[in-house]
N, C-alpha and C. Protein backbone atom coordinates (compact mmCIF):
# COMPACT_ATOMS: atom_id res chain seq x y z
N HIS A 1 -47.06 -43.26 -11.23
CA HIS A 1 -46.42 -43.28 -9.94
C HIS A 1 -46.94 -44.26 -8.96
N ILE A 2 -48.22 -44.60 -9.15
CA ILE A 2 -48.89 -45.52 -8.26
C ILE A 2 -48.22 -46.82 -8.40
N LYS A 3 -47.88 -47.23 -9.63
CA LYS A 3 -47.25 -48.47 -10.03
C LYS A 3 -45.91 -48.65 -9.25
N SER A 4 -45.06 -47.62 -9.42
CA SER A 4 -43.83 -47.60 -8.70
C SER A 4 -43.93 -47.57 -7.27
N GLY A 5 -44.77 -46.83 -6.75
CA GLY A 5 -45.08 -46.79 -5.22
C GLY A 5 -45.56 -48.17 -4.81
N LEU A 6 -46.38 -48.82 -5.42
CA LEU A 6 -46.79 -50.20 -5.12
C LEU A 6 -45.50 -51.15 -5.14
N ALA A 7 -44.82 -51.00 -6.20
CA ALA A 7 -43.62 -51.87 -6.24
C ALA A 7 -42.70 -51.58 -5.10
N GLN A 8 -42.47 -50.44 -4.75
CA GLN A 8 -41.56 -50.13 -3.53
C GLN A 8 -42.13 -50.68 -2.30
N ALA A 9 -43.41 -50.42 -2.09
CA ALA A 9 -44.01 -50.88 -0.87
C ALA A 9 -43.97 -52.56 -0.80
N ARG A 10 -44.10 -53.07 -2.04
CA ARG A 10 -44.05 -54.66 -1.98
C ARG A 10 -42.65 -55.12 -1.64
N ALA A 11 -41.66 -54.32 -2.15
CA ALA A 11 -40.23 -54.69 -1.82
C ALA A 11 -39.88 -54.37 -0.37
N ASP A 12 -40.55 -53.59 0.34
CA ASP A 12 -40.17 -53.20 1.57
C ASP A 12 -40.75 -54.19 2.59
N THR A 13 -40.51 -55.42 2.58
CA THR A 13 -41.20 -56.48 3.43
C THR A 13 -40.59 -56.32 4.91
N GLY A 14 -39.49 -55.70 5.13
CA GLY A 14 -39.09 -55.50 6.59
C GLY A 14 -39.77 -54.48 7.33
N SER A 15 -40.57 -53.65 6.63
CA SER A 15 -41.26 -52.47 7.34
C SER A 15 -42.40 -53.00 8.15
N ASN A 16 -42.71 -52.32 9.25
CA ASN A 16 -43.88 -52.58 10.06
C ASN A 16 -45.16 -52.04 9.42
N GLN A 17 -44.83 -51.21 8.37
CA GLN A 17 -46.08 -50.62 7.64
C GLN A 17 -46.26 -51.31 6.28
N TYR A 18 -45.64 -52.48 6.17
CA TYR A 18 -45.74 -53.16 4.86
C TYR A 18 -47.10 -53.32 4.37
N LEU A 19 -47.92 -54.03 5.14
CA LEU A 19 -49.38 -54.19 4.66
C LEU A 19 -50.17 -52.95 4.55
N PRO A 20 -50.17 -52.01 5.63
CA PRO A 20 -51.01 -50.82 5.40
C PRO A 20 -50.64 -50.06 4.26
N THR A 21 -49.35 -49.94 3.93
CA THR A 21 -48.73 -49.18 2.74
C THR A 21 -49.33 -49.74 1.43
N ILE A 22 -49.20 -51.17 1.45
CA ILE A 22 -49.52 -51.83 0.19
C ILE A 22 -51.19 -51.60 -0.01
N ARG A 23 -51.88 -51.77 1.18
CA ARG A 23 -53.29 -51.58 1.04
C ARG A 23 -53.68 -50.29 0.54
N LYS A 24 -52.88 -49.20 0.92
CA LYS A 24 -53.22 -47.80 0.45
C LYS A 24 -53.08 -47.64 -0.94
N PHE A 25 -51.94 -48.19 -1.53
CA PHE A 25 -51.64 -48.15 -2.99
C PHE A 25 -52.71 -48.92 -3.72
N LEU A 26 -53.04 -50.08 -3.21
CA LEU A 26 -54.14 -50.81 -3.80
C LEU A 26 -55.44 -50.14 -3.85
N GLY A 27 -55.79 -49.63 -2.66
CA GLY A 27 -57.04 -48.84 -2.54
C GLY A 27 -57.14 -47.67 -3.53
N CYS A 28 -55.98 -47.00 -3.66
CA CYS A 28 -55.95 -45.86 -4.53
C CYS A 28 -56.22 -46.23 -5.96
N ALA A 29 -55.43 -47.35 -6.48
CA ALA A 29 -55.57 -47.68 -7.86
C ALA A 29 -57.13 -48.33 -8.15
N LEU A 30 -57.53 -49.10 -7.07
CA LEU A 30 -58.86 -49.72 -7.32
C LEU A 30 -59.94 -48.51 -7.27
N SER A 31 -59.73 -47.54 -6.53
CA SER A 31 -60.70 -46.44 -6.57
C SER A 31 -60.74 -45.68 -7.83
N LEU A 32 -59.64 -45.53 -8.31
CA LEU A 32 -59.48 -44.91 -9.79
C LEU A 32 -60.30 -45.75 -10.77
N ALA A 33 -60.11 -47.04 -10.69
CA ALA A 33 -60.76 -47.98 -11.65
C ALA A 33 -62.13 -48.23 -11.48
N LYS A 34 -62.64 -47.95 -10.19
CA LYS A 34 -64.11 -48.25 -9.94
C LYS A 34 -64.97 -47.43 -10.77
N ASP A 35 -65.88 -48.10 -11.58
CA ASP A 35 -66.86 -47.39 -12.35
C ASP A 35 -66.33 -46.44 -13.51
N ASN A 36 -65.09 -46.72 -13.95
CA ASN A 36 -64.46 -45.98 -15.05
C ASN A 36 -63.73 -46.87 -15.98
N LYS A 37 -64.36 -47.27 -17.00
CA LYS A 37 -63.78 -48.30 -17.98
C LYS A 37 -62.56 -47.56 -18.74
N ASP A 38 -62.58 -46.34 -18.84
CA ASP A 38 -61.33 -45.63 -19.52
C ASP A 38 -60.23 -45.74 -18.73
N ILE A 39 -60.32 -45.53 -17.40
CA ILE A 39 -59.18 -45.63 -16.43
C ILE A 39 -58.82 -47.11 -16.32
N GLN A 40 -59.77 -47.92 -16.35
CA GLN A 40 -59.34 -49.43 -16.26
C GLN A 40 -58.61 -49.79 -17.43
N ASP A 41 -58.79 -49.40 -18.72
CA ASP A 41 -58.02 -49.72 -19.88
C ASP A 41 -56.71 -49.07 -19.72
N LYS A 42 -56.70 -47.78 -19.26
CA LYS A 42 -55.26 -47.18 -19.05
C LYS A 42 -54.46 -47.88 -18.05
N LEU A 43 -55.03 -48.38 -16.96
CA LEU A 43 -54.32 -49.10 -15.91
C LEU A 43 -53.74 -50.40 -16.53
N VAL A 44 -54.62 -50.99 -17.43
CA VAL A 44 -53.98 -52.27 -18.07
C VAL A 44 -52.80 -51.83 -18.99
N GLU A 45 -53.04 -50.83 -19.67
CA GLU A 45 -51.80 -50.36 -20.69
C GLU A 45 -50.62 -50.14 -19.93
N VAL A 46 -50.60 -49.58 -18.72
CA VAL A 46 -49.35 -49.33 -18.00
C VAL A 46 -48.96 -50.43 -17.05
N GLY A 47 -49.73 -51.63 -17.22
CA GLY A 47 -49.34 -52.85 -16.31
C GLY A 47 -49.73 -52.75 -14.89
N LEU A 48 -50.62 -51.88 -14.50
CA LEU A 48 -50.98 -51.76 -13.19
C LEU A 48 -52.06 -52.89 -12.76
N ARG A 49 -52.90 -53.28 -13.68
CA ARG A 49 -53.93 -54.42 -13.23
C ARG A 49 -53.22 -55.57 -12.93
N SER A 50 -52.14 -55.90 -13.68
CA SER A 50 -51.40 -57.15 -13.34
C SER A 50 -50.67 -57.04 -12.12
N ALA A 51 -50.15 -55.87 -11.76
CA ALA A 51 -49.64 -55.63 -10.46
C ALA A 51 -50.50 -55.64 -9.36
N ILE A 52 -51.66 -55.18 -9.55
CA ILE A 52 -52.73 -55.18 -8.53
C ILE A 52 -53.10 -56.66 -8.23
N ARG A 53 -53.21 -57.42 -9.33
CA ARG A 53 -53.76 -58.82 -9.25
C ARG A 53 -52.71 -59.58 -8.55
N LYS A 54 -51.45 -59.37 -8.82
CA LYS A 54 -50.31 -60.14 -8.16
C LYS A 54 -50.24 -59.82 -6.67
N THR A 55 -50.30 -58.60 -6.32
CA THR A 55 -50.29 -58.10 -5.00
C THR A 55 -51.41 -58.65 -4.26
N LEU A 56 -52.67 -58.62 -4.75
CA LEU A 56 -53.75 -59.24 -3.90
C LEU A 56 -53.58 -60.67 -3.82
N SER A 57 -53.05 -61.38 -4.75
CA SER A 57 -52.84 -62.81 -4.60
C SER A 57 -51.70 -63.12 -3.51
N GLU A 58 -50.68 -62.33 -3.42
CA GLU A 58 -49.63 -62.43 -2.56
C GLU A 58 -49.99 -62.10 -1.12
N ASN A 59 -51.04 -61.30 -1.01
CA ASN A 59 -51.44 -60.75 0.31
C ASN A 59 -52.96 -60.96 0.60
N PRO A 60 -53.44 -62.20 0.80
CA PRO A 60 -54.83 -62.38 0.95
C PRO A 60 -55.36 -61.84 2.17
N GLU A 61 -54.52 -61.47 3.18
CA GLU A 61 -55.01 -60.91 4.40
C GLU A 61 -55.52 -59.49 4.23
N ILE A 62 -55.25 -58.78 3.13
CA ILE A 62 -55.64 -57.49 2.81
C ILE A 62 -57.15 -57.58 2.48
N SER A 63 -57.89 -56.80 3.05
CA SER A 63 -59.36 -56.82 2.80
C SER A 63 -59.90 -55.38 2.54
N PHE A 64 -60.86 -55.28 1.50
CA PHE A 64 -61.58 -53.98 1.40
C PHE A 64 -63.03 -54.17 1.61
N HIS A 65 -63.33 -55.30 2.32
CA HIS A 65 -64.71 -55.58 2.81
C HIS A 65 -65.67 -55.51 1.59
N GLY A 66 -65.27 -55.99 0.46
CA GLY A 66 -66.13 -56.11 -0.68
C GLY A 66 -66.46 -54.68 -1.42
N GLU A 67 -65.69 -53.69 -0.97
CA GLU A 67 -65.89 -52.42 -1.74
C GLU A 67 -65.60 -52.40 -3.21
N PHE A 68 -64.64 -53.26 -3.60
CA PHE A 68 -64.26 -53.27 -5.10
C PHE A 68 -64.66 -54.55 -5.68
N GLY A 69 -65.69 -55.30 -5.17
CA GLY A 69 -66.17 -56.51 -5.82
C GLY A 69 -66.54 -56.34 -7.05
N MET A 70 -67.10 -55.25 -7.51
CA MET A 70 -67.58 -54.91 -8.87
C MET A 70 -66.39 -54.95 -9.89
N LEU A 71 -65.08 -54.99 -9.31
CA LEU A 71 -63.92 -55.00 -10.26
C LEU A 71 -63.38 -56.28 -10.42
N ARG A 72 -64.02 -57.41 -10.01
CA ARG A 72 -63.63 -58.70 -10.08
C ARG A 72 -63.34 -59.23 -11.52
N ASP A 73 -64.28 -58.93 -12.38
CA ASP A 73 -64.13 -59.23 -13.73
C ASP A 73 -63.01 -58.57 -14.43
N TRP A 74 -62.85 -57.37 -14.09
CA TRP A 74 -61.81 -56.47 -14.71
C TRP A 74 -60.40 -57.05 -14.12
N ILE A 75 -60.35 -57.32 -12.86
CA ILE A 75 -59.06 -57.90 -12.36
C ILE A 75 -58.76 -59.30 -12.98
N ARG A 76 -59.77 -60.02 -13.21
CA ARG A 76 -59.58 -61.40 -13.87
C ARG A 76 -59.17 -61.11 -15.46
N GLY A 77 -59.55 -60.01 -16.06
CA GLY A 77 -59.34 -59.80 -17.46
C GLY A 77 -60.57 -60.30 -18.17
N ASP A 78 -61.67 -60.44 -17.56
CA ASP A 78 -62.90 -60.92 -18.29
C ASP A 78 -63.75 -59.91 -18.87
N ARG A 79 -63.41 -58.57 -18.54
CA ARG A 79 -64.25 -57.45 -19.12
C ARG A 79 -63.80 -57.14 -20.53
N GLY A 80 -64.54 -56.78 -21.40
CA GLY A 80 -64.20 -56.49 -22.75
C GLY A 80 -63.10 -55.30 -22.75
N GLY A 81 -62.57 -54.96 -23.81
CA GLY A 81 -61.68 -53.89 -24.00
C GLY A 81 -60.15 -54.39 -23.83
N ALA A 82 -59.81 -54.52 -22.69
CA ALA A 82 -58.42 -54.84 -22.36
C ALA A 82 -58.28 -56.40 -22.18
N LYS A 83 -59.36 -57.15 -22.48
CA LYS A 83 -59.30 -58.63 -22.22
C LYS A 83 -58.12 -59.36 -22.85
N SER A 84 -57.90 -59.04 -24.11
CA SER A 84 -56.82 -59.62 -24.86
C SER A 84 -55.45 -59.46 -24.20
N VAL A 85 -55.26 -58.35 -23.60
CA VAL A 85 -53.99 -58.15 -23.00
C VAL A 85 -53.66 -59.13 -21.87
N THR A 86 -54.71 -59.46 -21.08
CA THR A 86 -54.43 -60.46 -20.13
C THR A 86 -54.30 -61.79 -20.67
N ARG A 87 -55.27 -62.16 -21.57
CA ARG A 87 -55.35 -63.43 -22.22
C ARG A 87 -53.97 -63.93 -22.77
N SER A 88 -53.26 -62.83 -23.24
CA SER A 88 -51.96 -63.15 -23.95
C SER A 88 -50.79 -63.13 -22.93
N ASN A 89 -51.09 -62.81 -21.74
CA ASN A 89 -49.99 -62.77 -20.70
C ASN A 89 -49.84 -64.05 -20.06
N LYS A 90 -48.82 -64.87 -20.42
CA LYS A 90 -48.56 -66.22 -20.06
C LYS A 90 -48.28 -66.23 -18.53
N SER A 91 -47.72 -65.16 -17.88
CA SER A 91 -47.19 -65.15 -16.61
C SER A 91 -48.49 -65.01 -15.50
N THR A 92 -49.69 -64.70 -15.98
CA THR A 92 -50.69 -64.62 -15.22
C THR A 92 -51.35 -66.02 -15.02
N THR A 93 -51.38 -66.47 -13.83
CA THR A 93 -51.89 -67.80 -13.63
C THR A 93 -53.28 -67.82 -13.14
N ARG A 94 -53.99 -68.83 -13.30
CA ARG A 94 -55.38 -68.98 -12.91
C ARG A 94 -55.44 -68.90 -11.36
N SER A 95 -54.48 -69.50 -10.75
CA SER A 95 -54.58 -69.40 -9.20
C SER A 95 -54.35 -68.03 -8.75
N GLU A 96 -53.50 -67.19 -9.56
CA GLU A 96 -53.32 -65.75 -9.21
C GLU A 96 -54.63 -64.98 -9.34
N ARG A 97 -55.26 -65.26 -10.45
CA ARG A 97 -56.52 -64.47 -10.71
C ARG A 97 -57.63 -64.89 -9.66
N ASN A 98 -57.69 -66.16 -9.38
CA ASN A 98 -58.58 -66.62 -8.37
C ASN A 98 -58.29 -66.01 -6.95
N ALA A 99 -57.07 -66.01 -6.63
CA ALA A 99 -56.60 -65.40 -5.28
C ALA A 99 -57.03 -63.96 -5.23
N ALA A 100 -56.85 -63.21 -6.39
CA ALA A 100 -57.16 -61.80 -6.23
C ALA A 100 -58.61 -61.67 -6.22
N GLU A 101 -59.32 -62.48 -6.93
CA GLU A 101 -60.81 -62.37 -6.85
C GLU A 101 -61.30 -62.70 -5.45
N ARG A 102 -60.86 -63.66 -4.77
CA ARG A 102 -61.25 -63.91 -3.44
C ARG A 102 -61.03 -62.72 -2.50
N VAL A 103 -59.92 -61.91 -2.73
CA VAL A 103 -59.67 -60.78 -1.90
C VAL A 103 -60.62 -59.70 -2.18
N LEU A 104 -60.99 -59.55 -3.45
CA LEU A 104 -61.89 -58.43 -3.81
C LEU A 104 -63.24 -58.64 -3.30
N ASP A 105 -63.65 -60.03 -3.40
CA ASP A 105 -65.04 -60.42 -2.87
C ASP A 105 -65.13 -60.46 -1.38
N ALA A 106 -64.05 -60.59 -0.60
CA ALA A 106 -64.14 -60.69 0.76
C ALA A 106 -65.00 -59.62 1.38
N GLY A 107 -66.04 -60.16 2.15
CA GLY A 107 -66.89 -59.19 2.87
C GLY A 107 -68.12 -58.93 2.06
N THR A 108 -68.27 -59.20 0.76
CA THR A 108 -69.44 -58.73 0.03
C THR A 108 -70.61 -59.44 0.49
N GLN A 109 -70.65 -60.56 1.06
CA GLN A 109 -71.86 -61.27 1.48
C GLN A 109 -72.19 -60.48 2.89
N ASP A 110 -71.36 -60.21 3.61
CA ASP A 110 -71.63 -59.42 4.94
C ASP A 110 -72.21 -58.08 4.73
N ASP A 111 -71.70 -57.49 3.61
CA ASP A 111 -72.06 -55.97 3.24
C ASP A 111 -73.48 -55.90 2.74
N THR A 112 -74.12 -57.06 2.29
CA THR A 112 -75.48 -56.81 1.59
C THR A 112 -76.58 -56.90 2.69
């Protein structure tokens, strides 16, 4: 349901709650994935990792102040396990992965 909620929030561009709503869905999904490789693999299976990556790349103004920086490799598809799923996905562009990585890393230098 997180994936469909995120999709609905992304489609509701006219709402004044557009970014806060998207940020809540992203934060929820990223919180589930944080420090839990089994959940990370499940999120890949249902297509939520790619939806997260795409949403982060489309909305670079969203920041979690580095809270999910440890998920950078997972978002990029560089962690083992579900890596082959991302590598075979031709629709995922390098620029999309880089944009998502920048959003996840935003604030990490200030937080240390």
